[in-house]
């Protein structure tokens, strides 16, 4: 068999990226906008015949030239990407693949977590990874009516606090999941710290890390799907399949979500949740957003004020615990990151 070479493709290498895009198109996918490592396999004429990529601890965007199918090239690409991930210290890896490719990845040591109809399969390289996560959650199971709430809290606002207080008042135990994917301007340790501080007066709230199983927008593989609405629907469907298994372990029979009148993404997501969760025996409560001066409180608005360092206006939008943090020296690097990010309004 011919000797082929694998090497990293840099964002400035337009020639290689153009070849990669054509190769991906043959597989019916497009290059993901969320990639932090791209590799390509080159033949003797320096033409790209296979490719694969990473984002955080996920593997994605695989393709092999039709002229080289059956040569084991994808196996080599996956091995290379896993080596890169291990060098980065990422030992727990995830990938999304089409249904007809799942068996190939199972043979490489990946295990299915969930699948969405005929669209995609979500997999990890630990046989009992998801089961161990569920076992940890099971230790917090309580009697009575249990509900759940999932939030990013980027950062924690009075709107978030209002949602948690309302949910906690209507159940015996509220399992509050903080999205732990670090794809937000406010880092996860800070987001969780502010959530815990801002809900400390509610004794029936149990805070959990979402772990890698509640999928963020950043890690969801939009490159599989044709348009933005399909991406939102696919993301919601996969998230709800995973959440339903989490809810079963905790005997959760109700999920609270905040209304997002300014967000098309969340609007579609909430509609899908309202339709699908009851089929799994879980009520979906969409709570109208808390307002101030006639406008919904939003984390985006808080980030805009942080860019301006307008702490007076911030008092109207965040709990005292959040305000105290952002006034402290500890918050300086986070505020600087927000200031340098440009547009802080998402979706």
Protein backbone atom coordinates (compact mmCIF):
# COMPACT_ATOMS: atom_id res chain seq x y z
CA UNK A 1 0.00 0.00 0.00
CA UNK A 2 1.19 3.54 -0.75
CA UNK A 3 2.69 5.61 2.02
CA UNK A 4 0.52 8.55 2.96
CA UNK A 5 1.29 11.37 5.38
CA UNK A 6 -0.97 13.02 7.96
CA UNK A 7 -0.35 16.57 9.11
CA UNK A 8 -2.17 19.49 10.68
CA UNK A 9 -3.94 21.98 8.42
CA UNK A 10 -3.70 25.56 9.61
CA UNK A 11 -6.56 28.09 9.23
CA UNK A 12 -4.46 30.12 6.77
CA UNK A 13 -3.91 27.17 4.40
CA UNK A 14 -6.67 28.02 1.95
CA UNK A 15 -5.58 25.46 -0.64
CA UNK A 16 -5.86 22.55 1.78
CA UNK A 17 -9.08 23.85 3.34
CA UNK A 18 -10.63 24.09 -0.12
CA UNK A 19 -9.74 20.45 -0.81
CA UNK A 20 -11.11 19.43 2.58
CA UNK A 21 -14.38 21.24 1.90
CA UNK A 22 -14.80 19.35 -1.38
CA UNK A 23 -14.05 16.06 0.37
CA UNK A 24 -16.60 16.78 3.11
CA UNK A 25 -19.22 17.77 0.53
CA UNK A 26 -18.89 14.30 -1.00
CA UNK A 27 -19.98 12.93 2.40
CA UNK A 28 -22.92 15.32 2.52
CA UNK A 29 -21.46 17.45 5.33
CA UNK A 30 -19.77 20.82 5.62
CA UNK A 31 -16.80 22.00 7.63
CA UNK A 32 -17.89 22.86 11.17
CA UNK A 33 -17.36 26.43 12.34
CA UNK A 34 -16.24 25.09 15.74
CA UNK A 35 -12.88 23.39 15.11
CA UNK A 36 -9.61 23.81 16.98
CA UNK A 37 -7.58 21.19 15.11
CA UNK A 38 -7.85 19.98 11.50
CA UNK A 39 -5.73 17.25 9.95
CA UNK A 40 -5.43 15.91 6.43
CA UNK A 41 -3.92 12.84 4.83
CA UNK A 42 -1.96 13.56 1.65
CA UNK A 43 -1.07 11.21 -1.21
CA UNK A 44 2.18 11.24 -3.20
CA UNK A 45 0.95 14.20 -5.28
CA UNK A 46 0.11 16.19 -2.16
CA UNK A 47 -3.62 15.81 -2.77
CA UNK A 48 -5.84 15.40 0.28
CA UNK A 49 -7.47 11.98 0.40
CA UNK A 50 -8.81 11.94 3.99
CA UNK A 51 -9.53 14.40 6.79
CA UNK A 52 -10.75 14.71 10.37
CA UNK A 53 -10.96 17.39 13.05
CA UNK A 54 -11.32 18.14 16.76
CA UNK A 55 -13.16 20.65 18.86
CA UNK A 56 -12.46 20.55 22.59
CA UNK A 57 -12.83 16.86 23.53
CA UNK A 58 -14.91 15.92 20.47
CA UNK A 59 -13.87 14.34 17.16
CA UNK A 60 -15.70 15.49 14.04
CA UNK A 61 -15.77 16.21 10.29
CA UNK A 62 -14.45 12.92 8.90
CA UNK A 63 -14.20 12.14 5.20
CA UNK A 64 -12.25 9.79 2.92
CA UNK A 65 -11.92 10.16 -0.84
CA UNK A 66 -14.17 7.74 -2.75
CA UNK A 67 -11.07 6.59 -4.68
CA UNK A 68 -9.47 5.36 -1.43
CA UNK A 69 -12.38 3.69 0.35
CA UNK A 70 -11.48 0.37 1.96
CA UNK A 71 -7.81 1.23 2.61
CA UNK A 72 -8.26 1.82 6.33
CA UNK A 73 -7.54 5.55 6.04
CA UNK A 74 -10.29 6.66 8.41
CA UNK A 75 -8.87 4.36 11.06
CA UNK A 76 -5.52 6.14 10.70
CA UNK A 77 -7.18 9.57 10.88
CA UNK A 78 -9.04 8.63 14.08
CA UNK A 79 -5.86 7.21 15.63
CA UNK A 80 -4.02 10.46 14.81
CA UNK A 81 -6.80 12.62 16.31
CA UNK A 82 -6.92 10.51 19.46
CA UNK A 83 -3.15 10.90 19.85
CA UNK A 84 -3.57 14.68 19.57
CA UNK A 85 -6.34 14.63 22.16
CA UNK A 86 -4.29 12.53 24.57
CA UNK A 87 -1.39 14.99 24.18
CA UNK A 88 -3.81 17.73 25.16
CA UNK A 89 -4.82 15.75 28.23
CA UNK A 90 -8.29 14.91 26.88
CA UNK A 91 -8.80 11.23 27.72
CA UNK A 92 -12.62 11.17 27.68
CA UNK A 93 -13.58 11.69 24.04
CA UNK A 94 -16.87 12.12 22.24
CA UNK A 95 -18.01 12.05 18.65
CA UNK A 96 -21.13 12.37 16.56
CA UNK A 97 -21.58 10.26 13.47
CA UNK A 98 -24.22 9.26 10.97
CA UNK A 99 -26.25 6.15 11.76
CA UNK A 100 -24.57 4.05 9.05
CA UNK A 101 -21.09 4.83 10.44
CA UNK A 102 -21.79 3.93 14.07
CA UNK A 103 -20.61 0.32 13.73
CA UNK A 104 -17.24 1.48 12.42
CA UNK A 105 -16.69 3.63 15.51
CA UNK A 106 -17.91 0.87 17.81
CA UNK A 107 -15.13 -1.27 16.37
CA UNK A 108 -12.68 1.50 17.30
CA UNK A 109 -13.79 1.48 20.95
CA UNK A 110 -16.58 4.05 21.02
CA UNK A 111 -19.90 3.39 22.75
CA UNK A 112 -23.33 4.78 21.98
CA UNK A 113 -24.90 7.26 24.38
CA UNK A 114 -27.94 8.27 22.35
CA UNK A 115 -29.22 8.56 18.79
CA UNK A 116 -31.67 10.83 17.00
CA UNK A 117 -33.92 8.95 14.58
CA UNK A 118 -31.99 8.48 11.32
CA UNK A 119 -29.86 11.59 11.82
CA UNK A 120 -26.91 10.93 14.11
CA UNK A 121 -25.40 8.91 16.94
CA UNK A 122 -23.67 10.46 19.99
CA UNK A 123 -20.77 8.28 21.22
CA UNK A 124 -17.96 8.25 23.80
CA UNK A 125 -14.79 6.22 24.28
CA UNK A 126 -15.73 4.99 27.79
CA UNK A 127 -17.95 1.94 27.99
CA UNK A 128 -19.54 2.97 31.27
CA UNK A 129 -19.02 6.74 31.08
CA UNK A 130 -22.66 7.79 30.90
CA UNK A 131 -23.74 5.04 33.30
CA UNK A 132 -21.22 6.27 35.89
CA UNK A 133 -22.53 9.82 35.49
CA UNK A 134 -26.08 8.56 36.05
CA UNK A 135 -24.97 6.54 39.09
CA UNK A 136 -23.50 9.68 40.64
CA UNK A 137 -26.76 11.55 40.10
CA UNK A 138 -28.78 8.67 41.58
CA UNK A 139 -27.12 9.30 44.95
CA UNK A 140 -28.99 12.65 45.13
CA UNK A 141 -32.44 11.18 44.42
CA UNK A 142 -35.10 12.21 46.95
CA UNK A 143 -38.73 11.40 47.72
CA UNK A 144 -41.61 13.63 46.72
CA UNK A 145 -42.05 15.71 43.57
CA UNK A 146 -38.73 16.24 41.82
CA UNK A 147 -38.21 18.80 39.06
CA UNK A 148 -35.25 19.89 36.97
CA UNK A 149 -33.88 23.06 35.48
CA UNK A 150 -30.92 23.44 33.12
CA UNK A 151 -29.15 26.77 32.74
CA UNK A 152 -25.97 28.23 31.35
CA UNK A 153 -26.13 31.40 33.51
CA UNK A 154 -23.59 33.45 31.58
CA UNK A 155 -23.73 35.09 34.16
CA UNK A 156 -26.41 34.45 36.82
CA UNK A 157 -29.06 37.20 36.71
CA UNK A 158 -32.21 38.15 38.62
CA UNK A 159 -34.06 36.45 35.77
CA UNK A 160 -32.28 33.17 36.50
CA UNK A 161 -32.89 33.61 40.23
CA UNK A 162 -36.60 34.25 39.66
CA UNK A 163 -36.87 31.08 37.55
CA UNK A 164 -35.11 28.97 40.19
CA UNK A 165 -37.23 30.43 43.02
CA UNK A 166 -40.48 29.76 41.16
CA UNK A 167 -39.48 26.18 40.30
CA UNK A 168 -38.21 25.46 43.83
CA UNK A 169 -41.48 26.74 45.35
CA UNK A 170 -43.50 24.26 43.27
CA UNK A 171 -41.64 21.02 44.02
CA UNK A 172 -40.02 19.11 46.87
CA UNK A 173 -36.61 18.90 45.20
CA UNK A 174 -35.24 20.96 42.32
CA UNK A 175 -32.25 19.49 40.47
CA UNK A 176 -30.47 22.48 38.97
CA UNK A 177 -27.99 21.59 36.21
CA UNK A 178 -25.36 24.18 35.30
CA UNK A 179 -23.98 23.68 31.78
CA UNK A 180 -20.35 22.81 32.38
CA UNK A 181 -19.17 23.05 28.77
CA UNK A 182 -16.67 25.93 28.88
CA UNK A 183 -17.83 27.71 25.73
CA UNK A 184 -19.09 30.88 27.44
CA UNK A 185 -17.49 34.24 28.18
CA UNK A 186 -17.96 33.62 31.90
CA UNK A 187 -15.98 30.44 32.74
CA UNK A 188 -17.82 27.45 34.18
CA UNK A 189 -16.27 27.63 37.71
CA UNK A 190 -17.44 31.24 37.98
CA UNK A 191 -20.90 30.53 36.53
CA UNK A 192 -21.44 27.67 38.97
CA UNK A 193 -20.12 29.68 41.90
CA UNK A 194 -22.60 32.49 41.14
CA UNK A 195 -25.49 30.05 40.70
CA UNK A 196 -24.72 28.37 44.03
CA UNK A 197 -24.37 31.74 45.78
CA UNK A 198 -27.55 33.12 44.22
CA UNK A 199 -29.63 30.07 45.23
CA UNK A 200 -28.15 29.40 48.68
CA UNK A 201 -31.37 30.59 50.34
CA UNK A 202 -33.31 27.72 48.74
CA UNK A 203 -32.74 24.54 50.79
CA UNK A 204 -34.45 22.18 48.33
CA UNK A 205 -32.18 23.04 45.38
CA UNK A 206 -29.42 20.57 44.45
CA UNK A 207 -26.83 21.94 41.99
CA UNK A 208 -25.23 19.57 39.49
CA UNK A 209 -22.59 19.91 36.80
CA UNK A 210 -24.17 19.00 33.48
CA UNK A 211 -20.97 17.16 32.58
CA UNK A 212 -20.34 16.42 28.90
CA UNK A 213 -23.75 14.84 28.37
CA UNK A 214 -26.03 17.86 28.22
CA UNK A 215 -24.87 19.10 24.88
CA UNK A 216 -23.98 22.75 24.36
CA UNK A 217 -24.49 24.68 21.14
CA UNK A 218 -20.72 24.74 20.69
CA UNK A 219 -20.26 20.99 20.74
CA UNK A 220 -23.40 20.05 18.82
CA UNK A 221 -22.42 18.91 15.28
CA UNK A 222 -24.30 21.39 13.09
CA UNK A 223 -22.28 20.28 10.06
CA UNK A 224 -24.52 17.20 9.75
CA UNK A 225 -27.67 19.20 9.11
CA UNK A 226 -28.86 21.32 6.22
CA UNK A 227 -30.11 24.53 7.79
CA UNK A 228 -30.34 26.45 11.07
CA UNK A 229 -33.80 25.19 11.98
CA UNK A 230 -32.71 21.58 11.40
CA UNK A 231 -29.71 22.20 13.63
CA UNK A 232 -31.89 23.57 16.45
CA UNK A 233 -34.35 20.69 16.15
CA UNK A 234 -31.56 18.09 16.05
CA UNK A 235 -29.84 19.64 19.04
CA UNK A 236 -33.07 19.72 21.03
CA UNK A 237 -33.98 16.14 20.13
CA UNK A 238 -30.59 14.77 21.18
CA UNK A 239 -30.54 16.81 24.37
CA UNK A 240 -34.01 15.61 25.32
CA UNK A 241 -33.16 11.95 24.73
CA UNK A 242 -30.20 12.30 27.10
CA UNK A 243 -32.22 14.37 29.59
CA UNK A 244 -35.01 11.79 29.67
CA UNK A 245 -32.56 9.17 30.90
CA UNK A 246 -31.25 11.57 33.54
CA UNK A 247 -34.81 12.37 34.64
CA UNK A 248 -35.63 8.68 35.01
CA UNK A 249 -32.71 8.16 37.41
CA UNK A 250 -33.78 11.12 39.55
CA UNK A 251 -37.55 10.46 39.26
CA UNK A 252 -37.92 13.93 37.76
CA UNK A 253 -41.42 14.49 36.42
CA UNK A 254 -41.23 18.19 35.59
CA UNK A 255 -38.76 20.41 33.76
CA UNK A 256 -38.80 24.18 33.99
CA UNK A 257 -37.54 26.38 31.16
CA UNK A 258 -37.36 30.13 30.82
CA UNK A 259 -39.20 31.82 28.00
CA UNK A 260 -36.85 33.63 25.59
CA UNK A 261 -39.01 36.08 23.59
CA UNK A 262 -35.97 37.53 21.81
CA UNK A 263 -34.43 34.20 20.79
CA UNK A 264 -35.54 32.15 17.79
CA UNK A 265 -33.25 29.33 18.91
CA UNK A 266 -34.77 29.00 22.37
CA UNK A 267 -38.27 29.51 21.02
CA UNK A 268 -37.97 26.49 18.73
CA UNK A 269 -36.21 24.52 21.47
CA UNK A 270 -38.98 25.24 23.98
CA UNK A 271 -41.65 24.25 21.45
CA UNK A 272 -39.96 20.89 20.87
CA UNK A 273 -39.57 20.33 24.63
CA UNK A 274 -43.22 21.15 25.25
CA UNK A 275 -44.21 18.54 22.67
CA UNK A 276 -41.70 15.77 23.45
CA UNK A 277 -41.22 15.78 27.23
CA UNK A 278 -44.85 14.85 28.06
CA UNK A 279 -44.43 11.76 25.87
CA UNK A 280 -41.78 10.65 28.40
CA UNK A 281 -44.01 11.46 31.37
CA UNK A 282 -42.32 14.80 32.10
CA UNK A 283 -44.29 18.04 32.31
CA UNK A 284 -42.69 21.07 30.65
CA UNK A 285 -43.29 24.40 32.38
CA UNK A 286 -42.32 27.43 30.27
CA UNK A 287 -41.97 30.38 32.66
CA UNK A 288 -42.34 33.96 31.34
CA UNK A 289 -39.19 36.00 31.75
CA UNK A 290 -38.80 38.37 34.70
CA UNK A 291 -38.78 41.96 33.50
CA UNK A 292 -37.34 45.22 34.69
CA UNK A 293 -38.55 48.57 33.34
CA UNK A 294 -40.72 46.69 30.85
CA UNK A 295 -37.89 44.67 29.32
CA UNK A 296 -36.97 41.00 29.87
CA UNK A 297 -33.81 40.52 31.93
CA UNK A 298 -31.15 38.81 29.82
CA UNK A 299 -27.60 37.62 30.38
CA UNK A 300 -26.68 39.33 27.10
CA UNK A 301 -27.84 42.65 28.56
CA UNK A 302 -25.74 42.01 31.66
CA UNK A 303 -22.67 41.31 29.54
CA UNK A 304 -23.24 44.57 27.65
CA UNK A 305 -23.30 46.49 30.93
CA UNK A 306 -20.15 44.69 32.07
CA UNK A 307 -18.44 45.90 28.90
CA UNK A 308 -19.36 49.44 29.90
CA UNK A 309 -18.55 48.70 33.56
CA UNK A 310 -21.91 50.25 34.41
CA UNK A 311 -22.38 48.73 37.87
CA UNK A 312 -25.19 51.12 38.78
CA UNK A 313 -27.40 49.80 35.98
CA UNK A 314 -26.22 46.27 36.78
CA UNK A 315 -27.89 46.46 40.21
CA UNK A 316 -31.28 46.24 38.46
CA UNK A 317 -30.39 43.00 36.65
CA UNK A 318 -28.34 40.76 38.94
CA UNK A 319 -28.50 39.45 42.54
CA UNK A 320 -26.22 41.06 45.12
CA UNK A 321 -23.99 37.96 45.05
CA UNK A 322 -23.36 38.38 41.30
CA UNK A 323 -22.84 42.14 41.63
CA UNK A 324 -20.36 41.71 44.50
CA UNK A 325 -18.35 39.23 42.44
CA UNK A 326 -18.07 41.50 39.41
CA UNK A 327 -17.04 44.42 41.62
CA UNK A 328 -14.23 42.35 43.12
CA UNK A 329 -10.63 42.10 41.91
CA UNK A 330 -11.21 38.39 41.27
CA UNK A 331 -13.55 39.28 38.40
CA UNK A 332 -11.07 41.51 36.56
CA UNK A 333 -9.88 38.81 34.07
CA UNK A 334 -13.48 37.81 33.29
CA UNK A 335 -14.57 41.42 32.70
CA UNK A 336 -11.50 41.97 30.53
CA UNK A 337 -12.44 38.89 28.47
CA UNK A 338 -15.98 40.23 28.03
CA UNK A 339 -14.68 43.67 27.05
CA UNK A 340 -12.37 42.20 24.40
CA UNK A 341 -15.00 39.93 22.89
CA UNK A 342 -16.81 42.57 20.84
CA UNK A 343 -20.40 41.38 20.29
CA UNK A 344 -21.68 39.81 23.50
CA UNK A 345 -25.30 39.39 22.39
CA UNK A 346 -25.89 35.73 21.49
CA UNK A 347 -28.71 34.33 19.38
